[in-house]
Amino acid sequence: MTLFEARIEITHRPGILDPQGANVERALPALGYQNVRDVRVGKSIRLVLDAPDAETAAAQVEEMCHRLLANPVIEHYAVELMAIAAEPAEASAR
């Protein structure tokens, strides 16, 4: 088995209202940042999972996103998957 780290970035789909982003965008000029626009607020999720290979890990993360982590109706997500460690093979018994 190999350990994989998945980095998932979730944002609203284009055209979907982002009230939290709008609030941040309205507040920034009061703090002296007049040059900021189009603020979008999203989620960032990091997780580590054991899988036999990258394809299996990627399929599991995709399923997690569809079933729980993101709402595909109003959110878009991007996944970055990296192998971080391979578990050593078990020592043979003597």
N, C-alpha and C. Protein backbone atom coordinates (compact mmCIF):
# COMPACT_ATOMS: atom_id res chain seq x y z
N MET A 1 0.85 -1.19 0.00
CA MET A 1 0.00 0.00 0.00
C MET A 1 0.89 1.24 0.00
N THR A 2 0.36 2.29 -0.55
CA THR A 2 1.07 3.56 -0.62
C THR A 2 0.20 4.63 0.03
N LEU A 3 0.84 5.56 0.71
CA LEU A 3 0.13 6.70 1.27
C LEU A 3 0.08 7.80 0.21
N PHE A 4 -1.09 8.37 0.04
CA PHE A 4 -1.29 9.47 -0.89
C PHE A 4 -1.88 10.65 -0.14
N GLU A 5 -1.42 11.84 -0.49
CA GLU A 5 -2.03 13.06 0.03
C GLU A 5 -2.88 13.65 -1.08
N ALA A 6 -4.13 13.94 -0.76
CA ALA A 6 -5.03 14.59 -1.71
C ALA A 6 -5.27 16.01 -1.25
N ARG A 7 -5.12 16.93 -2.16
CA ARG A 7 -5.44 18.34 -1.92
C ARG A 7 -6.62 18.69 -2.81
N ILE A 8 -7.70 19.09 -2.17
CA ILE A 8 -8.95 19.35 -2.89
C ILE A 8 -9.31 20.82 -2.71
N GLU A 9 -9.45 21.53 -3.80
CA GLU A 9 -9.86 22.94 -3.78
C GLU A 9 -11.27 23.02 -4.33
N ILE A 10 -12.18 23.58 -3.53
CA ILE A 10 -13.59 23.65 -3.91
C ILE A 10 -14.00 25.12 -4.00
N THR A 11 -14.59 25.49 -5.12
CA THR A 11 -15.07 26.86 -5.34
C THR A 11 -16.47 26.81 -5.92
N HIS A 12 -17.16 27.95 -5.86
CA HIS A 12 -18.47 28.04 -6.48
C HIS A 12 -18.31 28.02 -8.00
N ARG A 13 -19.27 27.42 -8.67
CA ARG A 13 -19.28 27.43 -10.13
C ARG A 13 -19.54 28.86 -10.60
N PRO A 14 -19.08 29.20 -11.80
CA PRO A 14 -19.35 30.54 -12.33
C PRO A 14 -20.86 30.80 -12.37
N GLY A 15 -21.25 31.99 -11.99
CA GLY A 15 -22.66 32.37 -11.99
C GLY A 15 -23.38 32.07 -10.69
N ILE A 16 -22.76 31.33 -9.79
CA ILE A 16 -23.37 31.02 -8.49
C ILE A 16 -22.99 32.13 -7.52
N LEU A 17 -23.97 32.65 -6.81
CA LEU A 17 -23.70 33.71 -5.85
C LEU A 17 -22.74 33.23 -4.76
N ASP A 18 -21.84 34.11 -4.37
CA ASP A 18 -20.86 33.82 -3.33
C ASP A 18 -20.97 34.92 -2.28
N PRO A 19 -21.94 34.81 -1.35
CA PRO A 19 -22.14 35.89 -0.39
C PRO A 19 -20.93 36.13 0.50
N GLN A 20 -20.21 35.10 0.87
CA GLN A 20 -19.02 35.30 1.71
C GLN A 20 -17.95 36.07 0.93
N GLY A 21 -17.75 35.73 -0.31
CA GLY A 21 -16.80 36.47 -1.15
C GLY A 21 -17.22 37.92 -1.31
N ALA A 22 -18.53 38.15 -1.49
CA ALA A 22 -19.04 39.52 -1.64
C ALA A 22 -18.79 40.34 -0.37
N ASN A 23 -18.98 39.73 0.80
CA ASN A 23 -18.72 40.44 2.05
C ASN A 23 -17.25 40.82 2.19
N VAL A 24 -16.37 39.89 1.83
CA VAL A 24 -14.93 40.19 1.90
C VAL A 24 -14.59 41.31 0.92
N GLU A 25 -15.15 41.23 -0.28
CA GLU A 25 -14.88 42.26 -1.29
C GLU A 25 -15.34 43.64 -0.83
N ARG A 26 -16.47 43.70 -0.14
CA ARG A 26 -16.96 45.00 0.37
C ARG A 26 -16.11 45.50 1.54
N ALA A 27 -15.54 44.59 2.34
CA ALA A 27 -14.78 45.00 3.52
C ALA A 27 -13.36 45.43 3.19
N LEU A 28 -12.76 44.89 2.17
CA LEU A 28 -11.35 45.19 1.88
C LEU A 28 -11.06 46.66 1.62
N PRO A 29 -11.91 47.40 0.88
CA PRO A 29 -11.63 48.83 0.69
C PRO A 29 -11.57 49.61 2.01
N ALA A 30 -12.37 49.20 2.98
CA ALA A 30 -12.33 49.88 4.29
C ALA A 30 -10.99 49.66 4.99
N LEU A 31 -10.28 48.61 4.60
CA LEU A 31 -8.96 48.34 5.18
C LEU A 31 -7.84 48.91 4.32
N GLY A 32 -8.20 49.69 3.29
CA GLY A 32 -7.21 50.35 2.46
C GLY A 32 -6.84 49.60 1.18
N TYR A 33 -7.54 48.52 0.88
CA TYR A 33 -7.24 47.75 -0.33
C TYR A 33 -8.27 48.08 -1.40
N GLN A 34 -7.99 49.16 -2.14
CA GLN A 34 -8.92 49.64 -3.16
C GLN A 34 -8.78 48.88 -4.48
N ASN A 35 -7.73 48.10 -4.63
CA ASN A 35 -7.42 47.48 -5.91
C ASN A 35 -7.87 46.02 -6.01
N VAL A 36 -8.77 45.58 -5.15
CA VAL A 36 -9.20 44.17 -5.14
C VAL A 36 -10.61 44.06 -5.71
N ARG A 37 -10.83 43.03 -6.53
CA ARG A 37 -12.17 42.79 -7.08
C ARG A 37 -12.33 41.30 -7.35
N ASP A 38 -13.54 40.89 -7.61
CA ASP A 38 -13.88 39.50 -7.94
C ASP A 38 -13.39 38.52 -6.88
N VAL A 39 -13.69 38.80 -5.63
CA VAL A 39 -13.29 37.92 -4.53
C VAL A 39 -14.20 36.71 -4.49
N ARG A 40 -13.60 35.53 -4.42
CA ARG A 40 -14.34 34.27 -4.31
C ARG A 40 -13.79 33.53 -3.10
N VAL A 41 -14.64 32.98 -2.30
CA VAL A 41 -14.24 32.22 -1.13
C VAL A 41 -14.62 30.76 -1.37
N GLY A 42 -13.69 29.87 -1.09
CA GLY A 42 -13.93 28.45 -1.29
C GLY A 42 -13.45 27.64 -0.10
N LYS A 43 -13.32 26.34 -0.32
CA LYS A 43 -12.84 25.43 0.72
C LYS A 43 -11.59 24.73 0.21
N SER A 44 -10.71 24.42 1.15
CA SER A 44 -9.53 23.63 0.85
C SER A 44 -9.51 22.45 1.80
N ILE A 45 -9.44 21.25 1.25
CA ILE A 45 -9.47 20.04 2.07
C ILE A 45 -8.20 19.25 1.77
N ARG A 46 -7.54 18.80 2.83
CA ARG A 46 -6.37 17.95 2.70
C ARG A 46 -6.67 16.64 3.41
N LEU A 47 -6.33 15.53 2.78
CA LEU A 47 -6.50 14.24 3.44
C LEU A 47 -5.43 13.28 2.97
N VAL A 48 -5.16 12.27 3.79
CA VAL A 48 -4.19 11.24 3.47
C VAL A 48 -4.93 9.91 3.44
N LEU A 49 -4.66 9.10 2.42
CA LEU A 49 -5.31 7.80 2.33
C LEU A 49 -4.32 6.74 1.86
N ASP A 50 -4.59 5.51 2.27
CA ASP A 50 -3.83 4.35 1.82
C ASP A 50 -4.52 3.78 0.60
N ALA A 51 -3.75 3.47 -0.42
CA ALA A 51 -4.32 2.83 -1.61
C ALA A 51 -3.24 2.02 -2.30
N PRO A 52 -3.64 1.01 -3.06
CA PRO A 52 -2.64 0.20 -3.74
C PRO A 52 -1.92 0.93 -4.87
N ASP A 53 -2.60 1.93 -5.47
CA ASP A 53 -1.98 2.69 -6.58
C ASP A 53 -2.68 4.04 -6.73
N ALA A 54 -2.08 4.89 -7.56
CA ALA A 54 -2.60 6.25 -7.74
C ALA A 54 -4.00 6.25 -8.37
N GLU A 55 -4.26 5.33 -9.28
CA GLU A 55 -5.57 5.28 -9.93
C GLU A 55 -6.67 4.98 -8.93
N THR A 56 -6.42 4.03 -8.02
CA THR A 56 -7.41 3.69 -6.99
C THR A 56 -7.61 4.87 -6.04
N ALA A 57 -6.52 5.51 -5.65
CA ALA A 57 -6.62 6.68 -4.75
C ALA A 57 -7.42 7.79 -5.42
N ALA A 58 -7.11 8.07 -6.68
CA ALA A 58 -7.83 9.14 -7.39
C ALA A 58 -9.32 8.82 -7.51
N ALA A 59 -9.66 7.57 -7.80
CA ALA A 59 -11.07 7.19 -7.90
C ALA A 59 -11.78 7.35 -6.57
N GLN A 60 -11.12 6.99 -5.48
CA GLN A 60 -11.74 7.14 -4.16
C GLN A 60 -11.95 8.61 -3.81
N VAL A 61 -10.97 9.46 -4.11
CA VAL A 61 -11.12 10.88 -3.81
C VAL A 61 -12.24 11.49 -4.65
N GLU A 62 -12.33 11.10 -5.94
CA GLU A 62 -13.42 11.58 -6.79
C GLU A 62 -14.77 11.19 -6.19
N GLU A 63 -14.88 9.95 -5.73
CA GLU A 63 -16.13 9.49 -5.13
C GLU A 63 -16.45 10.27 -3.87
N MET A 64 -15.43 10.53 -3.04
CA MET A 64 -15.62 11.33 -1.82
C MET A 64 -16.16 12.72 -2.16
N CYS A 65 -15.59 13.31 -3.21
CA CYS A 65 -16.03 14.66 -3.60
C CYS A 65 -17.49 14.64 -4.05
N HIS A 66 -17.86 13.66 -4.85
CA HIS A 66 -19.24 13.57 -5.35
C HIS A 66 -20.23 13.26 -4.24
N ARG A 67 -19.83 12.43 -3.28
CA ARG A 67 -20.78 11.98 -2.26
C ARG A 67 -20.86 12.89 -1.05
N LEU A 68 -19.77 13.62 -0.72
CA LEU A 68 -19.76 14.36 0.53
C LEU A 68 -19.06 15.71 0.48
N LEU A 69 -17.89 15.77 -0.09
CA LEU A 69 -17.04 16.96 0.08
C LEU A 69 -17.48 18.17 -0.73
N ALA A 70 -18.06 17.96 -1.90
CA ALA A 70 -18.49 19.07 -2.75
C ALA A 70 -19.91 18.84 -3.22
N ASN A 71 -20.60 19.92 -3.50
CA ASN A 71 -21.93 19.85 -4.09
C ASN A 71 -21.77 20.14 -5.58
N PRO A 72 -21.76 19.11 -6.42
CA PRO A 72 -21.47 19.32 -7.84
C PRO A 72 -22.48 20.19 -8.58
N VAL A 73 -23.63 20.44 -7.97
CA VAL A 73 -24.63 21.31 -8.60
C VAL A 73 -24.16 22.76 -8.58
N ILE A 74 -23.53 23.19 -7.48
CA ILE A 74 -23.14 24.60 -7.35
C ILE A 74 -21.63 24.81 -7.15
N GLU A 75 -20.88 23.71 -6.99
CA GLU A 75 -19.45 23.84 -6.73
C GLU A 75 -18.61 23.09 -7.76
N HIS A 76 -17.44 23.63 -7.98
CA HIS A 76 -16.42 22.99 -8.82
C HIS A 76 -15.28 22.59 -7.90
N TYR A 77 -14.64 21.47 -8.19
CA TYR A 77 -13.50 21.08 -7.38
C TYR A 77 -12.35 20.61 -8.26
N ALA A 78 -11.15 20.77 -7.73
CA ALA A 78 -9.94 20.30 -8.40
C ALA A 78 -9.16 19.48 -7.38
N VAL A 79 -8.63 18.35 -7.83
CA VAL A 79 -7.90 17.44 -6.95
C VAL A 79 -6.45 17.35 -7.40
N GLU A 80 -5.55 17.47 -6.44
CA GLU A 80 -4.13 17.22 -6.67
C GLU A 80 -3.76 16.04 -5.78
N LEU A 81 -3.21 14.99 -6.37
CA LEU A 81 -2.89 13.77 -5.64
C LEU A 81 -1.40 13.51 -5.72
N MET A 82 -0.78 13.26 -4.56
CA MET A 82 0.66 13.02 -4.52
C MET A 82 0.95 11.79 -3.66
N ALA A 83 1.82 10.92 -4.14
CA ALA A 83 2.29 9.80 -3.31
C ALA A 83 3.26 10.39 -2.29
N ILE A 84 3.06 10.05 -1.02
CA ILE A 84 3.94 10.59 0.00
C ILE A 84 4.80 9.53 0.67
N ALA A 85 4.41 8.27 0.61
CA ALA A 85 5.22 7.21 1.20
C ALA A 85 4.66 5.86 0.80
N ALA A 86 5.57 4.95 0.59
CA ALA A 86 5.15 3.56 0.36
C ALA A 86 5.47 2.77 1.61
N GLU A 87 4.49 2.00 2.04
CA GLU A 87 4.73 1.17 3.22
C GLU A 87 5.72 0.07 2.85
N PRO A 88 6.71 -0.21 3.71
CA PRO A 88 7.67 -1.26 3.39
C PRO A 88 6.98 -2.61 3.31
N ALA A 89 7.45 -3.45 2.42
CA ALA A 89 6.90 -4.81 2.31
C ALA A 89 7.16 -5.55 3.61
N GLU A 90 6.21 -6.39 3.97
CA GLU A 90 6.37 -7.15 5.22
C GLU A 90 7.58 -8.06 5.11
N ALA A 91 8.34 -8.15 6.19
CA ALA A 91 9.50 -9.03 6.21
C ALA A 91 9.02 -10.48 6.15
N SER A 92 9.71 -11.27 5.38
CA SER A 92 9.28 -12.67 5.27
C SER A 92 9.60 -13.41 6.57
N ALA A 93 8.70 -14.28 6.96
CA ALA A 93 8.89 -15.04 8.20
C ALA A 93 9.96 -16.10 7.98
N ARG A 94 10.78 -16.32 8.96
CA ARG A 94 11.85 -17.34 8.86
C ARG A 94 11.56 -18.48 9.77
